[in-house]
Structures are given as structure tokens and as C-alpha cells.
Amino acid sequence: MKKLTLTTILLLFAASVSLYAQNFTVGARGIMQIGVGTYLEDDAAFRIPGVGIDSQTTIDWGGAAFAKWNFIGDFGVQAEVVYIHNSIDWLAYTALNTNKANYSCNSITIPLMLVYDIHLSSFITVSPYAGGAIMFVLGDLILTSTSGSGTTTSEYKTKDPIIWGIVAGANVALSLGPGDVVLDVRYHPTFNDLYAIKDGATYDICHFGGLQIGVGYQFAL
């Protein structure tokens, strides 16, 4: 009797694992980020008298790995690890001249989103999603400045390099081979600014946001 009970438990466990495994999807994608919503704050030039700033939209690149679990039918939750090289091109100008400059930093963002799968056919699935995201700035903020005398690079420590935001968008999965080609479009606005430390003082440098376009591949486990 004990052997029969143990066998039954093992069979039920194996069946449940198989059922849940069918609801898991994993994948990876490359990302192009357009800096929509990324801009410099007034402290970007470290409050140097007579220096103005003019930020410009920048295109950056990165990649992501993701896992999705459909816990009730077509409803699911998706977690990701996203790497982006963030940058902001800008002009520092005075009454006499204008210099090109660039701020850059690397980041890891972890979004957690609710997803709903809409099956348009056996080959096409559209999945809108939305959720929260935590962005961790890695290392220092790099300032590269170019003028008539050459190019200089400076590094500044960041203060409280954790940036909160949200993510909203949709992807289209096209069945191909053992999995799906995934086309992803999303917007990632943030709530707080990035601060840098120079000569013991703290400066409000920039605000991040991005329109991300991704292409990748996913498959069910």
C-alpha cells in the first residue's frame, strides 16, 4: 500500500511538473533604444557660469534575456534582465564657442510585467504587456567632451544609482522552427533622475527614458 501511495505521489508530481513546464517560455533579443524621454537636467554642466546645454536624441544598443510563465490560460508574467549602454549627446555652449559632449553609462534593468497572449492564428501571437522596472546603473558616469583642443574624458561617481520606472509595450511572435521569432516594441519611462558627484558636491545630471525596438527568438520548455 505504501509503495502504491508513493508511486501515485510521484506520478502526480511528474504530471504537474510537465503541465507547468508547458507554460514556460524563455528567449533572448537584441535591442535598439531611441532616447525618447532622455534629457539633461540643469546641473549637467555642473553649474559652471555662462555655460548652456542643449541635449540631443541618441540611439543606443543592448540585449535582454527573458522568461514567461502563463499561469492562467493566456495570462502570464514575464521577467527579464536587460543590458543597455545609455548615452546622451549634447552641446555645451558659451557666448564664444560650442563644444560637443556626451554622457554615457551602462545599466542592467529588471522588468516584471503582466502579459496577455492574443492568438491571431496558429503562426502569429500578439502579446501586450505592462509592469514595473528597476534600473541599476553600473559603474561611473562617463563624460566625453570634444573641442578645438581635442577630446577629454572624465569619470564621475553616481549617487543612489537605482532608477525606478515602468515598461509598457507589445510583442509579435511568429512561429519559425522549434520556437518563435519575436518582434518587440516598448516604452520605458523612469521616475527619478541620475545624480553624479564632483568635488564633493552632488549634481542632478539627467533623466532616462527610451523607446526600445527588439528582435529575438523564444521557445517553450
C-alpha atoms as a PDB file:
ATOM      1  CA  MET A   1       0.000   0.000   0.000  1.00  0.00           C
ATOM      2  CA  LYS A   2       2.827   2.395   0.898  1.00  0.00           C
ATOM      3  CA  LYS A   3       4.554   1.592  -2.396  1.00  0.00           C
ATOM      4  CA  LEU A   4       1.341   2.297  -4.298  1.00  0.00           C
ATOM      5  CA  THR A   5       0.856   5.627  -2.475  1.00  0.00           C
ATOM      6  CA  LEU A   6       4.463   6.677  -3.169  1.00  0.00           C
ATOM      7  CA  THR A   7       4.083   5.740  -6.822  1.00  0.00           C
ATOM      8  CA  THR A   8       0.871   7.781  -7.078  1.00  0.00           C
ATOM      9  CA  ILE A   9       2.548  10.827  -5.497  1.00  0.00           C
ATOM     10  CA  LEU A  10       5.493  10.575  -7.871  1.00  0.00           C
ATOM     11  CA  LEU A  11       3.191  10.297 -10.883  1.00  0.00           C
ATOM     12  CA  LEU A  12       1.153  13.305  -9.775  1.00  0.00           C
ATOM     13  CA  PHE A  13       4.341  15.294  -9.195  1.00  0.00           C
ATOM     14  CA  ALA A  14       5.709  14.373 -12.633  1.00  0.00           C
ATOM     15  CA  ALA A  15       2.390  15.317 -14.260  1.00  0.00           C
ATOM     16  CA  SER A  16       2.285  18.694 -12.512  1.00  0.00           C
ATOM     17  CA  VAL A  17       5.879  19.468 -13.475  1.00  0.00           C
ATOM     18  CA  SER A  18       5.102  18.544 -17.087  1.00  0.00           C
ATOM     19  CA  LEU A  19       1.982  20.734 -17.049  1.00  0.00           C
ATOM     20  CA  TYR A  20       3.779  23.796 -15.679  1.00  0.00           C
ATOM     21  CA  ALA A  21       6.810  23.283 -17.921  1.00  0.00           C
ATOM     22  CA  GLN A  22       4.498  23.549 -20.925  1.00  0.00           C
ATOM     23  CA  ASN A  23       3.552  27.046 -19.722  1.00  0.00           C
ATOM     24  CA  PHE A  24       7.140  28.357 -19.590  1.00  0.00           C
ATOM     25  CA  THR A  25       8.759  30.276 -22.446  1.00  0.00           C
ATOM     26  CA  VAL A  26      12.346  31.562 -22.499  1.00  0.00           C
ATOM     27  CA  GLY A  27      14.225  33.652 -25.032  1.00  0.00           C
ATOM     28  CA  ALA A  28      16.644  36.457 -25.825  1.00  0.00           C
ATOM     29  CA  ARG A  29      16.624  39.536 -28.050  1.00  0.00           C
ATOM     30  CA  GLY A  30      18.812  42.349 -29.300  1.00  0.00           C
ATOM     31  CA  ILE A  31      17.691  45.916 -28.591  1.00  0.00           C
ATOM     32  CA  MET A  32      17.920  49.312 -30.275  1.00  0.00           C
ATOM     33  CA  GLN A  33      16.968  52.119 -27.883  1.00  0.00           C
ATOM     34  CA  ILE A  34      15.948  55.590 -29.055  1.00  0.00           C
ATOM     35  CA  GLY A  35      16.373  58.122 -26.265  1.00  0.00           C
ATOM     36  CA  VAL A  36      12.792  59.400 -26.276  1.00  0.00           C
ATOM     37  CA  GLY A  37      12.275  60.817 -22.789  1.00  0.00           C
ATOM     38  CA  THR A  38      16.012  61.015 -22.054  1.00  0.00           C
ATOM     39  CA  TYR A  39      17.190  64.551 -21.377  1.00  0.00           C
ATOM     40  CA  LEU A  40      19.717  66.560 -19.385  1.00  0.00           C
ATOM     41  CA  GLU A  41      18.878  68.465 -16.232  1.00  0.00           C
ATOM     42  CA  ASP A  42      20.106  71.981 -15.466  1.00  0.00           C
ATOM     43  CA  ASP A  43      23.065  70.641 -13.442  1.00  0.00           C
ATOM     44  CA  ALA A  44      24.513  68.734 -16.428  1.00  0.00           C
ATOM     45  CA  ALA A  45      27.263  71.346 -16.921  1.00  0.00           C
ATOM     46  CA  PHE A  46      27.954  71.339 -13.142  1.00  0.00           C
ATOM     47  CA  ARG A  47      26.566  74.872 -12.781  1.00  0.00           C
ATOM     48  CA  ILE A  48      29.574  76.449 -14.489  1.00  0.00           C
ATOM     49  CA  PRO A  49      28.671  80.122 -15.045  1.00  0.00           C
ATOM     50  CA  GLY A  50      27.942  81.084 -18.639  1.00  0.00           C
ATOM     51  CA  VAL A  51      27.676  77.509 -19.963  1.00  0.00           C
ATOM     52  CA  GLY A  52      24.404  76.452 -21.564  1.00  0.00           C
ATOM     53  CA  ILE A  53      23.306  72.962 -22.616  1.00  0.00           C
ATOM     54  CA  ASP A  54      21.334  71.511 -25.494  1.00  0.00           C
ATOM     55  CA  SER A  55      20.612  67.763 -25.340  1.00  0.00           C
ATOM     56  CA  GLN A  56      20.011  65.643 -28.436  1.00  0.00           C
ATOM     57  CA  THR A  57      18.284  62.314 -29.051  1.00  0.00           C
ATOM     58  CA  THR A  58      20.692  59.363 -29.066  1.00  0.00           C
ATOM     59  CA  ILE A  59      20.399  55.780 -30.353  1.00  0.00           C
ATOM     60  CA  ASP A  60      21.863  53.073 -28.085  1.00  0.00           C
ATOM     61  CA  TRP A  61      22.157  49.284 -28.163  1.00  0.00           C
ATOM     62  CA  GLY A  62      21.761  46.380 -25.790  1.00  0.00           C
ATOM     63  CA  GLY A  63      20.285  42.937 -25.244  1.00  0.00           C
ATOM     64  CA  ALA A  64      17.931  41.010 -22.992  1.00  0.00           C
ATOM     65  CA  ALA A  65      17.109  37.542 -21.709  1.00  0.00           C
ATOM     66  CA  PHE A  66      13.558  36.779 -20.606  1.00  0.00           C
ATOM     67  CA  ALA A  67      11.287  34.090 -19.185  1.00  0.00           C
ATOM     68  CA  LYS A  68       7.477  33.982 -19.303  1.00  0.00           C
ATOM     69  CA  TRP A  69       5.092  31.850 -17.287  1.00  0.00           C
ATOM     70  CA  ASN A  70       1.453  31.564 -18.389  1.00  0.00           C
ATOM     71  CA  PHE A  71      -0.137  30.800 -15.034  1.00  0.00           C
ATOM     72  CA  ILE A  72      -3.801  31.028 -16.118  1.00  0.00           C
ATOM     73  CA  GLY A  73      -4.590  30.311 -19.749  1.00  0.00           C
ATOM     74  CA  ASP A  74      -3.269  33.173 -21.881  1.00  0.00           C
ATOM     75  CA  PHE A  75      -2.451  35.365 -18.879  1.00  0.00           C
ATOM     76  CA  GLY A  76       1.170  35.321 -17.793  1.00  0.00           C
ATOM     77  CA  VAL A  77       4.004  37.068 -16.026  1.00  0.00           C
ATOM     78  CA  GLN A  78       7.317  37.879 -17.728  1.00  0.00           C
ATOM     79  CA  ALA A  79      10.625  38.662 -16.021  1.00  0.00           C
ATOM     80  CA  GLU A  80      13.672  39.997 -17.865  1.00  0.00           C
ATOM     81  CA  VAL A  81      17.283  41.025 -17.459  1.00  0.00           C
ATOM     82  CA  VAL A  82      18.057  43.905 -19.851  1.00  0.00           C
ATOM     83  CA  TYR A  83      21.504  45.367 -20.561  1.00  0.00           C
ATOM     84  CA  ILE A  84      21.702  48.803 -22.223  1.00  0.00           C
ATOM     85  CA  HIS A  85      24.591  51.161 -22.969  1.00  0.00           C
ATOM     86  CA  ASN A  86      22.920  54.517 -22.284  1.00  0.00           C
ATOM     87  CA  SER A  87      24.218  57.776 -23.726  1.00  0.00           C
ATOM     88  CA  ILE A  88      23.172  61.397 -24.233  1.00  0.00           C
ATOM     89  CA  ASP A  89      24.743  63.598 -26.900  1.00  0.00           C
ATOM     90  CA  TRP A  90      24.663  67.287 -26.063  1.00  0.00           C
ATOM     91  CA  LEU A  91      26.189  70.657 -26.822  1.00  0.00           C
ATOM     92  CA  ALA A  92      27.874  72.838 -24.200  1.00  0.00           C
ATOM     93  CA  TYR A  93      27.858  76.396 -25.445  1.00  0.00           C
ATOM     94  CA  THR A  94      29.041  79.798 -24.299  1.00  0.00           C
ATOM     95  CA  ALA A  95      28.974  83.217 -25.925  1.00  0.00           C
ATOM     96  CA  LEU A  96      32.273  82.389 -27.666  1.00  0.00           C
ATOM     97  CA  ASN A  97      32.112  78.744 -28.722  1.00  0.00           C
ATOM     98  CA  THR A  98      30.195  75.443 -28.743  1.00  0.00           C
ATOM     99  CA  ASN A  99      31.659  72.070 -27.694  1.00  0.00           C
ATOM    100  CA  LYS A 100      30.254  68.615 -28.333  1.00  0.00           C
ATOM    101  CA  ALA A 101      29.788  66.405 -25.288  1.00  0.00           C
ATOM    102  CA  ASN A 102      28.409  63.009 -24.353  1.00  0.00           C
ATOM    103  CA  TYR A 103      27.337  61.362 -21.113  1.00  0.00           C
ATOM    104  CA  SER A 104      27.311  57.569 -21.059  1.00  0.00           C
ATOM    105  CA  CYS A 105      26.801  54.718 -18.608  1.00  0.00           C
ATOM    106  CA  ASN A 106      25.910  51.055 -18.636  1.00  0.00           C
ATOM    107  CA  SER A 107      22.856  49.672 -16.896  1.00  0.00           C
ATOM    108  CA  ILE A 108      21.016  46.485 -16.004  1.00  0.00           C
ATOM    109  CA  THR A 109      17.230  46.763 -15.860  1.00  0.00           C
ATOM    110  CA  ILE A 110      14.929  44.126 -14.372  1.00  0.00           C
ATOM    111  CA  PRO A 111      11.307  44.468 -15.560  1.00  0.00           C
ATOM    112  CA  LEU A 112       8.456  42.353 -14.156  1.00  0.00           C
ATOM    113  CA  MET A 113       5.341  42.511 -16.323  1.00  0.00           C
ATOM    114  CA  LEU A 114       1.863  41.075 -16.751  1.00  0.00           C
ATOM    115  CA  VAL A 115       1.301  39.638 -20.247  1.00  0.00           C
ATOM    116  CA  TYR A 116      -1.735  38.558 -22.224  1.00  0.00           C
ATOM    117  CA  ASP A 117      -1.359  36.383 -25.328  1.00  0.00           C
ATOM    118  CA  ILE A 118      -3.736  37.001 -28.239  1.00  0.00           C
ATOM    119  CA  HIS A 119      -3.553  34.164 -30.777  1.00  0.00           C
ATOM    120  CA  LEU A 120      -4.375  35.612 -34.186  1.00  0.00           C
ATOM    121  CA  SER A 121      -3.598  32.284 -35.875  1.00  0.00           C
ATOM    122  CA  SER A 122      -1.552  29.159 -35.262  1.00  0.00           C
ATOM    123  CA  PHE A 123       1.506  31.096 -36.501  1.00  0.00           C
ATOM    124  CA  ILE A 124       1.007  34.606 -35.053  1.00  0.00           C
ATOM    125  CA  THR A 125       0.580  35.680 -31.428  1.00  0.00           C
ATOM    126  CA  VAL A 126       0.371  39.286 -30.224  1.00  0.00           C
ATOM    127  CA  SER A 127       1.210  39.865 -26.555  1.00  0.00           C
ATOM    128  CA  PRO A 128       0.613  43.293 -24.943  1.00  0.00           C
ATOM    129  CA  TYR A 129       2.237  43.774 -21.535  1.00  0.00           C
ATOM    130  CA  ALA A 130       2.891  46.303 -18.776  1.00  0.00           C
ATOM    131  CA  GLY A 131       4.704  46.364 -15.456  1.00  0.00           C
ATOM    132  CA  GLY A 132       7.371  47.897 -13.262  1.00  0.00           C
ATOM    133  CA  ALA A 133      11.138  48.045 -13.777  1.00  0.00           C
ATOM    134  CA  ILE A 134      14.223  48.660 -11.659  1.00  0.00           C
ATOM    135  CA  MET A 135      17.285  50.071 -13.433  1.00  0.00           C
ATOM    136  CA  PHE A 136      20.735  49.681 -11.867  1.00  0.00           C
ATOM    137  CA  VAL A 137      23.460  51.989 -13.199  1.00  0.00           C
ATOM    138  CA  LEU A 138      26.764  50.102 -13.420  1.00  0.00           C
ATOM    139  CA  GLY A 139      29.985  51.911 -12.588  1.00  0.00           C
ATOM    140  CA  ASP A 140      30.704  55.581 -13.188  1.00  0.00           C
ATOM    141  CA  LEU A 141      29.058  58.187 -15.380  1.00  0.00           C
ATOM    142  CA  ILE A 142      31.431  58.988 -18.251  1.00  0.00           C
ATOM    143  CA  LEU A 143      31.657  62.491 -19.698  1.00  0.00           C
ATOM    144  CA  THR A 144      33.384  62.835 -23.084  1.00  0.00           C
ATOM    145  CA  SER A 145      33.917  66.386 -24.338  1.00  0.00           C
ATOM    146  CA  THR A 146      35.257  67.440 -27.739  1.00  0.00           C
ATOM    147  CA  SER A 147      36.532  70.917 -28.503  1.00  0.00           C
ATOM    148  CA  GLY A 148      39.091  72.573 -30.776  1.00  0.00           C
ATOM    149  CA  SER A 149      41.872  71.468 -28.424  1.00  0.00           C
ATOM    150  CA  GLY A 150      40.916  67.764 -28.559  1.00  0.00           C
ATOM    151  CA  THR A 151      38.833  65.197 -26.688  1.00  0.00           C
ATOM    152  CA  THR A 152      38.814  64.710 -22.920  1.00  0.00           C
ATOM    153  CA  THR A 153      37.169  62.014 -20.812  1.00  0.00           C
ATOM    154  CA  SER A 154      36.138  62.321 -17.170  1.00  0.00           C
ATOM    155  CA  GLU A 155      34.516  59.816 -14.795  1.00  0.00           C
ATOM    156  CA  TYR A 156      32.069  60.723 -12.027  1.00  0.00           C
ATOM    157  CA  LYS A 157      30.689  58.583  -9.241  1.00  0.00           C
ATOM    158  CA  THR A 158      26.911  58.249  -9.243  1.00  0.00           C
ATOM    159  CA  LYS A 159      24.771  58.769  -6.158  1.00  0.00           C
ATOM    160  CA  ASP A 160      21.915  56.334  -5.449  1.00  0.00           C
ATOM    161  CA  PRO A 161      22.259  54.686  -8.884  1.00  0.00           C
ATOM    162  CA  ILE A 162      18.889  52.900  -8.717  1.00  0.00           C
ATOM    163  CA  ILE A 163      16.218  54.259 -11.041  1.00  0.00           C
ATOM    164  CA  TRP A 164      12.562  53.220 -10.869  1.00  0.00           C
ATOM    165  CA  GLY A 165      10.304  53.085 -13.887  1.00  0.00           C
ATOM    166  CA  ILE A 166       7.581  51.308 -15.794  1.00  0.00           C
ATOM    167  CA  VAL A 167       7.508  49.333 -19.029  1.00  0.00           C
ATOM    168  CA  ALA A 168       4.621  49.061 -21.497  1.00  0.00           C
ATOM    169  CA  GLY A 169       4.513  47.611 -24.973  1.00  0.00           C
ATOM    170  CA  ALA A 170       3.725  44.560 -27.057  1.00  0.00           C
ATOM    171  CA  ASN A 171       5.468  41.843 -28.988  1.00  0.00           C
ATOM    172  CA  VAL A 172       4.562  39.750 -32.004  1.00  0.00           C
ATOM    173  CA  ALA A 173       5.650  36.111 -32.065  1.00  0.00           C
ATOM    174  CA  LEU A 174       5.960  34.457 -35.485  1.00  0.00           C
ATOM    175  CA  SER A 175       6.255  30.679 -35.431  1.00  0.00           C
ATOM    176  CA  LEU A 176       9.518  29.542 -37.032  1.00  0.00           C
ATOM    177  CA  GLY A 177      11.273  26.223 -36.446  1.00  0.00           C
ATOM    178  CA  PRO A 178      11.149  24.891 -32.865  1.00  0.00           C
ATOM    179  CA  GLY A 179      10.192  28.320 -31.483  1.00  0.00           C
ATOM    180  CA  ASP A 180       9.180  31.839 -32.466  1.00  0.00           C
ATOM    181  CA  VAL A 181      10.825  34.923 -33.902  1.00  0.00           C
ATOM    182  CA  VAL A 182       9.814  37.785 -31.609  1.00  0.00           C
ATOM    183  CA  LEU A 183       9.431  41.447 -32.627  1.00  0.00           C
ATOM    184  CA  ASP A 184       9.184  43.672 -29.552  1.00  0.00           C
ATOM    185  CA  VAL A 185       8.331  47.392 -29.163  1.00  0.00           C
ATOM    186  CA  ARG A 186       8.104  49.099 -25.759  1.00  0.00           C
ATOM    187  CA  TYR A 187       8.439  52.377 -23.945  1.00  0.00           C
ATOM    188  CA  HIS A 188      10.407  52.610 -20.706  1.00  0.00           C
ATOM    189  CA  PRO A 189       9.861  55.893 -18.817  1.00  0.00           C
ATOM    190  CA  THR A 190      11.501  56.426 -15.419  1.00  0.00           C
ATOM    191  CA  PHE A 191      10.546  58.336 -12.279  1.00  0.00           C
ATOM    192  CA  ASN A 192      13.800  59.628 -10.765  1.00  0.00           C
ATOM    193  CA  ASP A 193      16.972  61.297 -12.084  1.00  0.00           C
ATOM    194  CA  LEU A 194      20.601  60.194 -12.123  1.00  0.00           C
ATOM    195  CA  TYR A 195      22.900  62.196  -9.836  1.00  0.00           C
ATOM    196  CA  ALA A 196      26.688  62.500 -10.051  1.00  0.00           C
ATOM    197  CA  ILE A 197      29.292  63.649  -7.532  1.00  0.00           C
ATOM    198  CA  LYS A 198      32.002  66.161  -8.432  1.00  0.00           C
ATOM    199  CA  ASP A 199      34.390  67.760  -5.912  1.00  0.00           C
ATOM    200  CA  GLY A 200      32.177  66.614  -3.053  1.00  0.00           C
ATOM    201  CA  ALA A 201      29.014  68.242  -4.454  1.00  0.00           C
ATOM    202  CA  THR A 202      26.010  66.364  -5.862  1.00  0.00           C
ATOM    203  CA  TYR A 203      24.551  67.356  -9.239  1.00  0.00           C
ATOM    204  CA  ASP A 204      21.276  66.384 -10.922  1.00  0.00           C
ATOM    205  CA  ILE A 205      22.568  65.259 -14.328  1.00  0.00           C
ATOM    206  CA  CYS A 206      19.917  63.551 -16.416  1.00  0.00           C
ATOM    207  CA  HIS A 207      16.616  61.733 -16.723  1.00  0.00           C
ATOM    208  CA  PHE A 208      16.335  58.442 -18.616  1.00  0.00           C
ATOM    209  CA  GLY A 209      13.584  57.170 -20.882  1.00  0.00           C
ATOM    210  CA  GLY A 210      13.640  55.094 -24.014  1.00  0.00           C
ATOM    211  CA  LEU A 211      11.676  53.701 -26.918  1.00  0.00           C
ATOM    212  CA  GLN A 212      13.062  50.183 -27.387  1.00  0.00           C
ATOM    213  CA  ILE A 213      12.762  48.058 -30.522  1.00  0.00           C
ATOM    214  CA  GLY A 214      13.899  44.445 -30.200  1.00  0.00           C
ATOM    215  CA  VAL A 215      14.234  41.326 -32.332  1.00  0.00           C
ATOM    216  CA  GLY A 216      14.833  37.916 -30.801  1.00  0.00           C
ATOM    217  CA  TYR A 217      13.877  34.279 -30.531  1.00  0.00           C
ATOM    218  CA  GLN A 218      11.895  32.320 -27.943  1.00  0.00           C
ATOM    219  CA  PHE A 219      10.896  28.732 -27.345  1.00  0.00           C
ATOM    220  CA  ALA A 220       8.685  26.817 -24.937  1.00  0.00           C
ATOM    221  CA  LEU A 221      10.256  24.481 -22.395  1.00  0.00           C
END
